[in-house]
C-alpha atoms as a PDB file:
ATOM      1  CA  UNK A   1      -5.890 -14.098   7.544  1.00  0.00           C
ATOM      2  CA  UNK A   2      -8.514 -11.401   7.093  1.00  0.00           C
ATOM      3  CA  UNK A   3      -7.204  -8.464   5.112  1.00  0.00           C
ATOM      4  CA  UNK A   4      -8.857  -5.247   3.926  1.00  0.00           C
ATOM      5  CA  UNK A   5      -7.039  -2.924   1.531  1.00  0.00           C
ATOM      6  CA  UNK A   6      -8.475   0.491   0.666  1.00  0.00           C
ATOM      7  CA  UNK A   7      -7.635   2.552  -2.395  1.00  0.00           C
ATOM      8  CA  UNK A   8      -8.944   5.523  -4.342  1.00  0.00           C
ATOM      9  CA  UNK A   9      -8.305   8.415  -2.019  1.00  0.00           C
ATOM     10  CA  UNK A  10      -6.717  11.662  -3.088  1.00  0.00           C
ATOM     11  CA  UNK A  11      -7.022  15.412  -3.375  1.00  0.00           C
ATOM     12  CA  UNK A  12     -10.181  16.794  -4.962  1.00  0.00           C
ATOM     13  CA  UNK A  13     -11.766  20.206  -5.233  1.00  0.00           C
ATOM     14  CA  UNK A  14     -15.072  20.985  -3.518  1.00  0.00           C
ATOM     15  CA  UNK A  15     -17.923  19.630  -5.607  1.00  0.00           C
ATOM     16  CA  UNK A  16     -15.763  16.897  -7.042  1.00  0.00           C
ATOM     17  CA  UNK A  17     -16.069  13.124  -6.834  1.00  0.00           C
ATOM     18  CA  UNK A  18     -14.001  10.149  -5.751  1.00  0.00           C
ATOM     19  CA  UNK A  19     -14.656   6.433  -5.613  1.00  0.00           C
ATOM     20  CA  UNK A  20     -13.053   4.446  -2.830  1.00  0.00           C
ATOM     21  CA  UNK A  21     -12.523   0.709  -3.087  1.00  0.00           C
ATOM     22  CA  UNK A  22     -11.842  -1.871  -0.404  1.00  0.00           C
ATOM     23  CA  UNK A  23     -10.595  -5.282  -1.476  1.00  0.00           C
ATOM     24  CA  UNK A  24     -11.174  -8.045   1.049  1.00  0.00           C
ATOM     25  CA  UNK A  25      -9.537 -11.425   1.423  1.00  0.00           C
ATOM     26  CA  UNK A  26      -9.267 -14.259   3.888  1.00  0.00           C
ATOM     27  CA  UNK A  27     -12.950 -14.810   4.655  1.00  0.00           C
ATOM     28  CA  UNK A  28     -16.384 -15.319   3.109  1.00  0.00           C
ATOM     29  CA  UNK A  29     -16.967 -11.735   2.005  1.00  0.00           C
ATOM     30  CA  UNK A  30     -20.630 -12.146   1.089  1.00  0.00           C
ATOM     31  CA  UNK A  31     -21.580 -13.196   4.614  1.00  0.00           C
ATOM     32  CA  UNK A  32     -20.573  -9.986   6.353  1.00  0.00           C
ATOM     33  CA  UNK A  33     -21.740  -6.423   6.760  1.00  0.00           C
ATOM     34  CA  UNK A  34     -19.188  -4.026   5.335  1.00  0.00           C
ATOM     35  CA  UNK A  35     -18.820  -0.426   6.360  1.00  0.00           C
ATOM     36  CA  UNK A  36     -16.940   2.762   5.627  1.00  0.00           C
ATOM     37  CA  UNK A  37     -15.740   4.963   8.467  1.00  0.00           C
ATOM     38  CA  UNK A  38     -13.753   8.175   8.518  1.00  0.00           C
ATOM     39  CA  UNK A  39     -11.570  10.024  10.974  1.00  0.00           C
ATOM     40  CA  UNK A  40     -10.710  13.672  10.632  1.00  0.00           C
ATOM     41  CA  UNK A  41      -7.773  15.214  12.534  1.00  0.00           C
ATOM     42  CA  UNK A  42      -8.637  15.699  16.172  1.00  0.00           C
ATOM     43  CA  UNK A  43     -11.962  13.919  15.853  1.00  0.00           C
ATOM     44  CA  UNK A  44     -13.286  10.496  16.661  1.00  0.00           C
ATOM     45  CA  UNK A  45     -13.761   7.888  13.986  1.00  0.00           C
ATOM     46  CA  UNK A  46     -17.324   7.983  12.680  1.00  0.00           C
ATOM     47  CA  UNK A  47     -19.461   5.628  10.671  1.00  0.00           C
ATOM     48  CA  UNK A  48     -20.183   6.945   7.175  1.00  0.00           C
ATOM     49  CA  UNK A  49     -22.125   4.118   5.564  1.00  0.00           C
ATOM     50  CA  UNK A  50     -22.601   0.397   5.767  1.00  0.00           C
ATOM     51  CA  UNK A  51     -24.130  -2.349   3.688  1.00  0.00           C
ATOM     52  CA  UNK A  52     -25.438  -5.598   5.089  1.00  0.00           C
ATOM     53  CA  UNK A  53     -24.863  -9.005   3.549  1.00  0.00           C
ATOM     54  CA  UNK A  54     -28.356  -8.786   2.060  1.00  0.00           C
ATOM     55  CA  UNK A  55     -27.577  -5.469   0.386  1.00  0.00           C
ATOM     56  CA  UNK A  56     -29.337  -3.006   2.667  1.00  0.00           C
ATOM     57  CA  UNK A  57     -27.506   0.305   2.827  1.00  0.00           C
ATOM     58  CA  UNK A  58     -27.471   2.939   5.551  1.00  0.00           C
ATOM     59  CA  UNK A  59     -25.803   6.340   5.727  1.00  0.00           C
ATOM     60  CA  UNK A  60     -24.951   8.993   8.249  1.00  0.00           C
ATOM     61  CA  UNK A  61     -27.166  12.039   7.671  1.00  0.00           C
ATOM     62  CA  UNK A  62     -24.299  14.269   6.553  1.00  0.00           C
ATOM     63  CA  UNK A  63     -23.603  12.153   3.444  1.00  0.00           C
ATOM     64  CA  UNK A  64     -27.115  11.098   2.437  1.00  0.00           C
ATOM     65  CA  UNK A  65     -27.769  11.954  -1.199  1.00  0.00           C
ATOM     66  CA  UNK A  66     -24.046  12.448  -1.900  1.00  0.00           C
ATOM     67  CA  UNK A  67     -22.385   9.116  -1.080  1.00  0.00           C
ATOM     68  CA  UNK A  68     -23.334   5.641  -2.277  1.00  0.00           C
ATOM     69  CA  UNK A  69     -22.036   2.392  -0.856  1.00  0.00           C
ATOM     70  CA  UNK A  70     -22.058  -0.739  -2.995  1.00  0.00           C
ATOM     71  CA  UNK A  71     -20.491  -4.154  -3.015  1.00  0.00           C
ATOM     72  CA  UNK A  72     -19.418  -6.751  -5.557  1.00  0.00           C
ATOM     73  CA  UNK A  73     -19.388 -10.107  -3.814  1.00  0.00           C
ATOM     74  CA  UNK A  74     -17.741 -11.840  -6.767  1.00  0.00           C
ATOM     75  CA  UNK A  75     -14.816  -9.407  -6.560  1.00  0.00           C
ATOM     76  CA  UNK A  76     -14.898  -9.305  -2.740  1.00  0.00           C
ATOM     77  CA  UNK A  77     -14.872  -5.531  -2.922  1.00  0.00           C
ATOM     78  CA  UNK A  78     -16.907  -2.775  -1.328  1.00  0.00           C
ATOM     79  CA  UNK A  79     -17.056   0.696  -2.836  1.00  0.00           C
ATOM     80  CA  UNK A  80     -17.907   4.186  -1.671  1.00  0.00           C
ATOM     81  CA  UNK A  81     -18.878   6.601  -4.417  1.00  0.00           C
ATOM     82  CA  UNK A  82     -18.546  10.126  -3.085  1.00  0.00           C
ATOM     83  CA  UNK A  83     -20.076  12.994  -5.043  1.00  0.00           C
ATOM     84  CA  UNK A  84     -20.391  16.710  -4.345  1.00  0.00           C
ATOM     85  CA  UNK A  85     -17.531  16.508  -1.869  1.00  0.00           C
ATOM     86  CA  UNK A  86     -17.153  19.203   0.765  1.00  0.00           C
ATOM     87  CA  UNK A  87     -14.120  20.350   2.752  1.00  0.00           C
ATOM     88  CA  UNK A  88     -15.669  18.787   5.863  1.00  0.00           C
ATOM     89  CA  UNK A  89     -15.444  15.384   4.174  1.00  0.00           C
ATOM     90  CA  UNK A  90     -11.665  15.565   4.513  1.00  0.00           C
ATOM     91  CA  UNK A  91     -10.533  12.577   6.569  1.00  0.00           C
ATOM     92  CA  UNK A  92      -8.843   9.219   6.485  1.00  0.00           C
ATOM     93  CA  UNK A  93     -11.417   6.719   5.263  1.00  0.00           C
ATOM     94  CA  UNK A  94     -11.384   3.155   6.531  1.00  0.00           C
ATOM     95  CA  UNK A  95     -13.346   0.120   5.486  1.00  0.00           C
ATOM     96  CA  UNK A  96     -14.392  -2.366   8.097  1.00  0.00           C
ATOM     97  CA  UNK A  97     -15.832  -5.826   8.412  1.00  0.00           C
ATOM     98  CA  UNK A  98     -18.479  -5.811  11.110  1.00  0.00           C
ATOM     99  CA  UNK A  99     -16.656  -2.938  12.866  1.00  0.00           C
ATOM    100  CA  UNK A 100     -14.095  -5.428  14.139  1.00  0.00           C
ATOM    101  CA  UNK A 101     -11.534  -5.645  11.354  1.00  0.00           C
ATOM    102  CA  UNK A 102     -10.077  -2.584   9.654  1.00  0.00           C
ATOM    103  CA  UNK A 103      -8.066  -1.613   6.643  1.00  0.00           C
ATOM    104  CA  UNK A 104      -5.103   0.748   6.749  1.00  0.00           C
ATOM    105  CA  UNK A 105      -7.119   3.722   5.524  1.00  0.00           C
ATOM    106  CA  UNK A 106      -6.952   6.045   2.547  1.00  0.00           C
ATOM    107  CA  UNK A 107      -6.676   9.832   2.767  1.00  0.00           C
ATOM    108  CA  UNK A 108      -9.361  12.000   1.204  1.00  0.00           C
ATOM    109  CA  UNK A 109      -8.650  15.723   1.051  1.00  0.00           C
ATOM    110  CA  UNK A 110     -11.228  18.170  -0.265  1.00  0.00           C
ATOM    111  CA  UNK A 111      -9.682  21.553  -0.877  1.00  0.00           C
ATOM    112  CA  UNK A 112      -9.466  24.267  -3.483  1.00  0.00           C
END
């Protein structure tokens, strides 16, 4: 069955960096748009970035210039490189296939 497993979250100071990974299995990874979402306490889940099967990337305005989404189709993995992190980036980050299938999430906490 389709499975998405995120990793790479943690605690980082403001201005720091993290790289999230999402390993996919159970389907033809290269054929699907992959996205990263996040949900902060008390807030709705929001789209952070997504990359189409052809490699086009899109970002929410609040992360443009700081986050980079990429994918390795051979490894069936999508990444989110997060630089210059801010406290407001604190959330559980989820990867998604086509916004229909979700991983379990990984916690990112930005705090001094």
